[in-house]
N, C-alpha and C. Protein backbone atom coordinates (compact mmCIF):
# COMPACT_ATOMS: atom_id res chain seq x y z
N UNK A 1 107.23 118.81 85.28
CA UNK A 1 106.50 120.03 84.98
C UNK A 1 107.54 120.94 85.53
N UNK A 2 107.72 122.15 84.76
CA UNK A 2 108.62 123.28 85.09
C UNK A 2 107.68 124.55 85.43
N UNK A 3 107.92 125.13 86.53
CA UNK A 3 107.28 126.26 87.07
C UNK A 3 108.19 127.41 87.32
N UNK A 4 107.81 128.63 87.32
CA UNK A 4 108.68 129.78 87.87
C UNK A 4 108.67 129.66 89.29
N UNK A 5 109.57 130.31 89.81
CA UNK A 5 109.79 130.44 91.40
C UNK A 5 108.66 131.17 92.01
N UNK A 6 107.84 132.03 91.32
CA UNK A 6 106.83 132.68 91.77
C UNK A 6 105.57 131.86 91.88
N UNK A 7 105.40 130.99 90.77
CA UNK A 7 104.36 129.91 90.87
C UNK A 7 104.47 128.86 91.84
N UNK A 8 105.73 128.59 92.04
CA UNK A 8 106.10 127.76 93.21
C UNK A 8 105.54 128.13 94.45
N UNK A 9 106.00 129.44 94.68
CA UNK A 9 105.59 130.03 95.88
C UNK A 9 104.16 130.27 96.22
N UNK A 10 103.41 130.48 95.12
CA UNK A 10 101.90 130.74 95.08
C UNK A 10 101.23 129.28 95.34
N UNK A 11 101.64 128.20 94.75
CA UNK A 11 101.01 126.83 94.66
C UNK A 11 101.72 125.80 95.32
N UNK A 12 102.47 126.26 96.36
CA UNK A 12 103.53 125.22 96.78
C UNK A 12 103.03 124.06 97.23
N UNK A 13 101.85 123.89 97.96
CA UNK A 13 101.33 122.61 98.55
C UNK A 13 100.65 121.88 97.30
N UNK A 14 100.07 122.57 96.50
CA UNK A 14 99.41 121.77 95.34
C UNK A 14 100.39 121.13 94.41
N UNK A 15 101.50 121.83 94.19
CA UNK A 15 102.59 121.31 93.32
C UNK A 15 103.38 120.30 94.03
N UNK A 16 103.68 120.27 95.34
CA UNK A 16 104.24 119.21 96.19
C UNK A 16 103.32 118.03 96.18
N UNK A 17 101.96 118.23 96.27
CA UNK A 17 101.18 117.22 96.19
C UNK A 17 101.38 116.34 94.78
N UNK A 18 101.41 117.18 93.72
CA UNK A 18 101.74 116.66 92.34
C UNK A 18 102.96 115.82 92.24
N UNK A 19 104.05 116.47 93.07
CA UNK A 19 105.42 115.72 92.91
C UNK A 19 105.37 114.37 93.74
N UNK A 20 104.41 114.38 94.73
CA UNK A 20 104.23 113.03 95.61
C UNK A 20 103.63 112.04 94.73
N UNK A 21 102.77 112.46 93.86
CA UNK A 21 102.31 111.47 92.80
C UNK A 21 103.01 111.10 91.84
N UNK A 22 104.33 111.48 91.79
CA UNK A 22 105.24 110.93 90.78
C UNK A 22 105.71 111.95 89.79
N UNK A 23 105.09 112.90 89.67
CA UNK A 23 105.32 114.07 88.62
C UNK A 23 106.57 114.90 89.08
N UNK A 24 107.73 114.82 88.51
CA UNK A 24 108.82 115.60 88.58
C UNK A 24 108.29 117.07 88.64
N UNK A 25 108.99 117.85 89.53
CA UNK A 25 108.76 119.35 89.65
C UNK A 25 110.01 120.07 89.58
N UNK A 26 110.21 121.08 88.51
CA UNK A 26 111.34 121.82 88.33
C UNK A 26 111.05 123.24 88.27
N UNK A 27 111.98 124.02 89.01
CA UNK A 27 111.85 125.53 89.04
C UNK A 27 113.23 126.05 88.86
N UNK A 28 113.28 127.38 88.33
CA UNK A 28 114.40 128.00 88.10
C UNK A 28 114.65 129.18 89.07
N UNK A 29 115.70 129.34 89.67
CA UNK A 29 116.09 130.48 90.60
C UNK A 29 117.44 131.12 90.29
N UNK A 30 117.50 132.11 89.85
CA UNK A 30 118.91 132.79 89.61
C UNK A 30 119.69 132.08 88.62
N UNK A 31 118.98 131.35 87.66
CA UNK A 31 119.58 130.63 86.60
C UNK A 31 119.97 129.28 86.95
N UNK A 32 119.60 128.81 88.19
CA UNK A 32 119.88 127.50 88.54
C UNK A 32 118.53 126.51 88.43
N UNK A 33 118.58 125.32 87.98
CA UNK A 33 117.45 124.66 87.92
C UNK A 33 117.37 123.74 89.17
N UNK A 34 116.26 123.64 89.77
CA UNK A 34 116.26 122.83 90.94
C UNK A 34 115.08 121.85 90.64
N UNK A 35 115.21 120.59 91.16
CA UNK A 35 114.39 119.46 90.81
C UNK A 35 113.73 118.90 92.05
N UNK A 36 112.37 118.73 92.17
CA UNK A 36 111.95 118.30 93.53
C UNK A 36 111.20 116.83 92.95
N UNK A 37 111.62 115.81 93.72
CA UNK A 37 110.84 114.57 93.60
C UNK A 37 110.94 113.75 94.88
N UNK A 38 109.90 112.93 95.18
CA UNK A 38 109.95 112.25 96.35
C UNK A 38 111.29 111.39 96.42
N UNK A 39 111.75 110.97 97.60
CA UNK A 39 112.94 110.10 97.78
C UNK A 39 112.83 108.89 97.29
N UNK A 40 111.50 108.18 97.50
CA UNK A 40 111.16 106.89 96.90
C UNK A 40 110.06 107.05 96.00
N UNK A 41 109.83 106.06 95.17
CA UNK A 41 108.71 106.04 94.30
C UNK A 41 107.39 105.91 95.01
N UNK A 42 106.32 106.69 94.54
CA UNK A 42 104.98 106.75 95.19
C UNK A 42 104.39 105.26 95.06
N UNK A 43 103.73 104.76 96.18
CA UNK A 43 102.98 103.49 96.30
C UNK A 43 101.64 103.72 95.84
N UNK A 44 101.32 103.16 94.65
CA UNK A 44 99.91 103.20 94.09
C UNK A 44 99.09 102.64 94.96
N UNK A 45 99.19 101.55 95.54
CA UNK A 45 98.21 100.72 96.37
C UNK A 45 97.88 101.67 97.64
N UNK A 46 98.78 102.31 98.06
CA UNK A 46 98.57 103.21 99.26
C UNK A 46 97.47 104.22 99.15
N UNK A 47 97.37 104.62 97.78
CA UNK A 47 96.43 105.77 97.45
C UNK A 47 94.98 105.25 97.10
N UNK A 48 94.80 103.83 97.12
CA UNK A 48 93.58 103.43 96.97
C UNK A 48 92.53 103.67 97.93
N UNK A 49 91.32 103.99 97.62
CA UNK A 49 90.40 104.13 98.77
C UNK A 49 89.34 103.12 98.92
N UNK A 50 89.07 102.77 99.99
CA UNK A 50 88.13 101.68 100.30
C UNK A 50 86.70 101.98 99.73
N UNK A 51 86.04 101.04 99.07
CA UNK A 51 84.78 101.19 98.77
C UNK A 51 83.73 100.35 99.44
N UNK A 52 82.55 100.91 99.78
CA UNK A 52 81.57 100.19 100.41
C UNK A 52 81.03 99.10 99.57
N UNK A 53 80.80 97.89 100.14
CA UNK A 53 80.20 96.63 99.48
C UNK A 53 78.97 96.50 99.80
N UNK A 54 77.91 96.44 98.78
CA UNK A 54 76.44 96.38 99.06
C UNK A 54 76.12 95.19 98.43
N UNK A 55 75.63 94.31 99.23
CA UNK A 55 75.19 92.94 98.90
C UNK A 55 73.82 92.63 99.39
N UNK A 56 73.06 91.83 98.56
CA UNK A 56 71.63 91.57 98.91
C UNK A 56 71.82 90.45 99.86
N UNK A 57 70.89 90.19 100.88
CA UNK A 57 70.76 88.95 101.75
C UNK A 57 71.36 89.45 103.14
N UNK A 58 71.49 90.74 103.48
CA UNK A 58 71.63 91.22 104.89
C UNK A 58 73.31 91.25 104.99
N UNK A 59 73.35 91.59 106.35
CA UNK A 59 74.90 91.92 106.70
C UNK A 59 75.70 90.64 106.64
N UNK A 60 75.18 89.58 106.80
CA UNK A 60 76.09 88.20 106.82
C UNK A 60 76.52 88.04 105.41
N UNK A 61 75.59 88.24 104.51
CA UNK A 61 76.08 88.00 103.15
C UNK A 61 77.02 89.09 102.64
N UNK A 62 76.87 90.35 103.09
CA UNK A 62 77.82 91.37 102.70
C UNK A 62 79.11 91.16 103.29
N UNK A 63 79.23 90.64 104.74
CA UNK A 63 80.43 90.34 105.14
C UNK A 63 81.24 89.27 104.64
N UNK A 64 80.44 88.20 104.24
CA UNK A 64 81.02 87.07 103.40
C UNK A 64 81.60 87.46 102.03
N UNK A 65 80.85 88.40 101.34
CA UNK A 65 81.33 88.86 100.11
C UNK A 65 82.48 89.68 100.32
N UNK A 66 82.48 90.64 101.39
CA UNK A 66 83.87 91.39 101.60
C UNK A 66 85.10 90.56 101.92
N UNK A 67 84.77 89.51 102.70
CA UNK A 67 86.04 88.56 102.91
C UNK A 67 86.60 87.96 101.67
N UNK A 68 85.60 87.60 100.89
CA UNK A 68 85.78 86.85 99.62
C UNK A 68 86.74 87.94 98.60
N UNK A 69 86.29 89.12 98.65
CA UNK A 69 86.97 90.05 97.67
C UNK A 69 88.16 90.33 98.39
N UNK A 70 88.39 90.53 99.67
CA UNK A 70 89.65 90.96 100.27
C UNK A 70 90.58 89.90 100.03
N UNK A 71 90.19 88.52 100.11
CA UNK A 71 90.96 87.50 99.82
C UNK A 71 91.66 87.51 98.38
N UNK A 72 90.95 87.77 97.38
CA UNK A 72 91.18 87.87 96.11
C UNK A 72 92.24 89.01 95.86
N UNK A 73 91.99 90.37 96.56
CA UNK A 73 92.83 91.29 96.32
C UNK A 73 94.16 91.02 96.87
N UNK A 74 94.16 90.42 98.05
CA UNK A 74 95.52 89.98 98.86
C UNK A 74 96.37 89.05 97.60
N UNK A 75 95.75 88.22 97.07
CA UNK A 75 96.42 87.28 95.92
C UNK A 75 96.97 88.27 94.79
N UNK A 76 96.01 89.00 94.36
CA UNK A 76 96.49 90.07 93.31
C UNK A 76 97.67 90.96 93.72
N UNK A 77 97.55 91.49 94.94
CA UNK A 77 98.66 92.25 95.41
C UNK A 77 99.97 91.53 95.69
N UNK A 78 99.71 90.36 96.16
CA UNK A 78 101.08 89.57 96.34
C UNK A 78 101.87 89.23 95.10
N UNK A 79 101.07 89.40 93.94
CA UNK A 79 101.88 89.14 92.81
C UNK A 79 102.54 90.35 92.09
N UNK A 80 102.28 91.57 92.64
CA UNK A 80 102.79 92.81 92.19
C UNK A 80 104.31 92.90 92.62
């Protein structure tokens, strides 16, 4: 995404957040193009948010289901 230096100044934190998500950010100042990108590629798994698991059968059943789901996720993530 290319923005003016004025827009960069106005929306610096929002634009930097977008760059952290992997979108290259460019702006021009005095005829020179600057590019802002994170040093390393963003980790998509780190941005995942935990979801509450609701299961019938009480807390024990819910805990068992959560353990089973986490075990499957670990197997899937290990393949990435």
